[in-house]
Every structure is written in structure tokens, then in C-alpha cells.
Amino acid sequence: MLFFNGCSSDKKKTEEKSEKVQEEVKNEKIVLQDITGKQIVVTPIEKGFSFEGYEDKVVLVNFFTTWCPPCKAEIPHLINLQEKYKENFVIISVLLEENKSNEEISNFMKYNNINYIITNSIENFKFAQSAGGVKNIPLMFLYDKNGKYSTHYVGAIPEEMIDADIKKVL
């Protein structure tokens, strides 16, 4: 098995943004927005999050950037998982980059044949803090159909491992 390390960034801007939003995130609803403008209201619950519109689905939250090699390496695996479990499962990718236009992300999605949701808004940083802070990417959290935390993954992870965990919570 081949495991990749994740990417990390020591950019001062990211740290300042992180500190700024950290104070604002305790138990508040966060409104993520995908590149088409659709909103996903994320509400903290005991031991997890509720994702409005995706109730009764297993949710894999993927924190990533477009410049991170391990993030790019896992895209084909996420595409496969989204297709395989599309009835009961959703991937919500949370972009942790500033100043990326929705057009740029749309082109990135087309180029990589991405079939899952990518959110692109300032609220992404609030969600990252609410989820416990994101120091390395890719970072993924798996939530069961009730929004309860199941497991998480740091770095690029083999598809079979994620697949086995999805089956456990379906």
C-alpha cells in the first residue's frame, strides 16, 4: 500500500485568517456555498454536524487545495466513491484557498471530471475551524447518516480504506 503525506502551509495569511475566524465559530451555523451558488447550511450537533439537504446521507467532508499534489492524487478515488454510493453518500469538498473564482474551480472540476460538490467561500475557513482546525491537507472527515463523526483521514488515503469505512456507516 502506498500512503502519501499531506501538504501543509505556513503562510502567515492563512494563520491570521484562522485566528480571526476561530473566535466566531463556536456552535454557530455555517453557510457553505458551492460554485453554482447553492447553499449548504452546516450546523454543529453533538459529536458532528448536520448538513442541510443531505440528511440521511453519509457525508465525506474533504478539506483541500487545488495546488496540493496529494489532494489531486485522491480525486479519481473520490470520483469512484461518489459514483459507487451516489444514492446514500455525498462528498463535500471544502476549498481552503483565497481568491479562487468559481470559474477557476469550475474549470478545475471539468479538467478532473469531478462529480462531487466543491464549496468556495469565506465560510469554508470558519467550517475548517469549527471542525477542529485544519493544519494539513488533504484532511477528510466521515459522518454517518445522522451527522455523527465516524472517522477521519490525513493525507491521501487508499480508496479501499475509505470504501470499507463507508460500508460500516451505511
Protein backbone atom coordinates (compact mmCIF):
# COMPACT_ATOMS: atom_id res chain seq x y z
CA MET A 1 0.00 0.00 0.00
CA LEU A 2 1.17 3.45 -0.82
CA PHE A 3 0.38 6.33 1.52
CA PHE A 4 1.08 9.93 0.63
CA ASN A 5 1.77 12.64 3.13
CA GLY A 6 -0.43 15.67 3.12
CA CYS A 7 0.51 19.22 2.26
CA SER A 8 0.84 21.94 4.82
CA SER A 9 1.21 25.65 4.50
CA ASP A 10 2.91 28.02 6.89
CA LYS A 11 1.61 31.06 5.12
CA LYS A 12 1.10 33.90 7.55
CA LYS A 13 -2.12 34.93 5.82
CA THR A 14 -3.70 31.53 6.45
CA GLU A 15 -2.72 31.65 10.13
CA GLU A 16 -4.11 35.16 10.54
CA LYS A 17 -7.36 34.13 8.83
CA SER A 18 -7.50 31.06 11.07
CA GLU A 19 -7.10 33.10 14.27
CA LYS A 20 -9.69 35.63 13.11
CA VAL A 21 -12.41 33.09 12.45
CA GLN A 22 -11.59 30.82 15.40
CA GLU A 23 -13.41 33.12 17.81
CA GLU A 24 -16.53 33.25 15.62
CA VAL A 25 -17.23 29.58 15.13
CA LYS A 26 -18.42 28.09 18.39
CA ASN A 27 -21.79 26.44 17.83
CA GLU A 28 -22.91 28.70 15.03
CA LYS A 29 -24.42 27.68 11.75
CA ILE A 30 -22.07 27.95 8.82
CA VAL A 31 -23.34 28.55 5.31
CA LEU A 32 -21.11 26.97 2.69
CA GLN A 33 -21.69 27.81 -0.94
CA ASP A 34 -20.88 25.59 -3.90
CA ILE A 35 -19.64 27.04 -7.16
CA THR A 36 -23.17 27.22 -8.59
CA GLY A 37 -24.36 29.34 -5.66
CA LYS A 38 -26.23 26.55 -3.87
CA GLN A 39 -26.00 26.93 -0.11
CA ILE A 40 -25.28 24.14 2.34
CA VAL A 41 -26.13 25.06 5.92
CA VAL A 42 -23.83 23.22 8.32
CA THR A 43 -24.98 23.09 11.93
CA PRO A 44 -22.83 21.74 14.76
CA ILE A 45 -24.52 18.89 16.62
CA GLU A 46 -23.30 16.68 19.42
CA LYS A 47 -20.31 14.76 18.03
CA GLY A 48 -20.68 16.01 14.47
CA PHE A 49 -22.50 18.25 12.01
CA SER A 50 -25.87 18.38 10.30
CA PHE A 51 -25.65 19.12 6.56
CA GLU A 52 -28.89 20.71 5.34
CA GLY A 53 -30.12 18.97 2.21
CA TYR A 54 -28.05 15.86 2.89
CA GLU A 55 -29.92 14.41 5.83
CA ASP A 56 -29.93 10.60 5.81
CA LYS A 57 -26.75 10.50 3.71
CA VAL A 58 -23.24 9.55 4.72
CA VAL A 59 -21.12 12.68 4.25
CA LEU A 60 -17.41 12.81 3.49
CA VAL A 61 -16.02 16.30 4.04
CA ASN A 62 -12.79 16.84 2.12
CA PHE A 63 -10.63 19.87 3.00
CA PHE A 64 -8.27 20.53 0.09
CA THR A 65 -6.48 23.00 -2.18
CA THR A 66 -6.00 22.91 -5.93
CA TRP A 67 -2.20 23.20 -5.66
CA CYS A 68 -1.66 20.21 -3.32
CA PRO A 69 -0.30 17.07 -5.09
CA PRO A 70 -1.86 14.55 -2.64
CA CYS A 71 -5.19 16.39 -2.96
CA LYS A 72 -5.04 15.96 -6.72
CA ALA A 73 -3.94 12.32 -6.40
CA GLU A 74 -7.07 11.39 -4.44
CA ILE A 75 -9.53 12.94 -6.92
CA PRO A 76 -10.01 9.75 -9.02
CA HIS A 77 -10.71 7.77 -5.84
CA LEU A 78 -13.27 10.30 -4.62
CA ILE A 79 -14.93 10.25 -8.05
CA ASN A 80 -15.20 6.44 -7.86
CA LEU A 81 -16.66 6.52 -4.34
CA GLN A 82 -19.19 9.23 -5.21
CA GLU A 83 -20.35 7.22 -8.22
CA LYS A 84 -20.46 3.91 -6.33
CA TYR A 85 -22.51 5.21 -3.39
CA LYS A 86 -24.36 8.12 -5.03
CA GLU A 87 -27.75 7.18 -3.55
CA ASN A 88 -26.67 7.24 0.11
CA PHE A 89 -23.43 9.23 0.10
CA VAL A 90 -22.16 12.71 -0.72
CA ILE A 91 -18.73 14.26 -0.86
CA ILE A 92 -18.48 17.91 0.09
CA SER A 93 -15.05 19.28 -0.79
CA VAL A 94 -14.14 22.44 1.07
CA LEU A 95 -11.61 24.61 -0.77
CA LEU A 96 -9.11 26.27 1.55
CA GLU A 97 -7.76 28.84 -0.89
CA GLU A 98 -8.47 32.53 -1.07
CA ASN A 99 -9.11 34.46 -4.26
CA LYS A 100 -10.12 31.49 -6.44
CA SER A 101 -13.03 32.36 -8.68
CA ASN A 102 -15.91 29.96 -9.17
CA GLU A 103 -14.97 29.93 -12.86
CA GLU A 104 -11.45 28.71 -11.98
CA ILE A 105 -12.92 25.98 -9.77
CA SER A 106 -15.43 25.03 -12.45
CA ASN A 107 -12.58 24.61 -14.94
CA PHE A 108 -10.65 22.56 -12.33
CA MET A 109 -13.70 20.33 -11.88
CA LYS A 110 -14.15 19.85 -15.64
CA TYR A 111 -10.46 19.12 -16.19
CA ASN A 112 -10.50 16.46 -13.44
CA ASN A 113 -14.03 15.12 -14.23
CA ILE A 114 -15.10 15.83 -10.64
CA ASN A 115 -18.64 14.61 -9.88
CA TYR A 116 -18.92 15.86 -6.29
CA ILE A 117 -19.56 19.20 -4.61
CA ILE A 118 -16.85 21.81 -4.15
CA THR A 119 -17.58 24.78 -1.91
CA ASN A 120 -15.82 28.10 -2.41
CA SER A 121 -16.50 30.88 0.10
CA ILE A 122 -15.00 32.64 3.10
CA GLU A 123 -17.24 30.42 5.26
CA ASN A 124 -15.00 27.48 4.28
CA PHE A 125 -12.40 28.81 6.71
CA LYS A 126 -14.98 29.06 9.51
CA PHE A 127 -16.02 25.47 8.86
CA ALA A 128 -12.38 24.35 8.97
CA GLN A 129 -12.04 25.94 12.41
CA SER A 130 -15.35 24.51 13.60
CA ALA A 131 -14.19 21.04 12.53
CA GLY A 132 -11.17 21.37 14.82
CA GLY A 133 -8.77 23.32 12.66
CA VAL A 134 -7.02 22.14 9.53
CA LYS A 135 -3.22 22.03 9.71
CA ASN A 136 -2.55 19.56 6.87
CA ILE A 137 -4.36 18.76 3.66
CA PRO A 138 -5.96 16.73 2.36
CA LEU A 139 -7.97 16.17 5.52
CA MET A 140 -11.26 14.28 5.36
CA PHE A 141 -13.97 13.59 7.93
CA LEU A 142 -16.58 10.88 7.52
CA TYR A 143 -20.00 11.44 9.13
CA ASP A 144 -22.78 8.86 9.37
CA LYS A 145 -26.38 9.39 8.21
CA ASN A 146 -27.17 11.20 11.47
CA GLY A 147 -24.23 13.60 11.12
CA LYS A 148 -22.18 11.89 13.83
CA TYR A 149 -18.42 11.74 13.40
CA SER A 150 -17.21 8.33 12.25
CA THR A 151 -13.53 8.70 11.33
CA HIS A 152 -11.03 10.99 9.64
CA TYR A 153 -8.12 10.71 7.24
CA VAL A 154 -4.97 12.83 6.99
CA GLY A 155 -3.14 12.79 3.67
CA ALA A 156 -4.05 10.78 0.61
CA ILE A 157 -5.65 7.51 1.67
CA PRO A 158 -6.24 4.33 -0.36
CA GLU A 159 -9.73 4.17 -1.83
CA GLU A 160 -10.29 0.72 -0.33
CA MET A 161 -9.84 2.08 3.20
CA ILE A 162 -12.43 4.82 2.71
CA ASP A 163 -14.74 2.36 0.94
CA ALA A 164 -14.61 -0.02 3.91
CA ASP A 165 -15.43 2.81 6.32
CA ILE A 166 -18.35 3.99 4.17
CA LYS A 167 -19.80 0.45 4.20
CA LYS A 168 -19.58 0.42 8.01
CA VAL A 169 -21.74 3.53 8.38
CA LEU A 170 -24.23 2.87 5.57
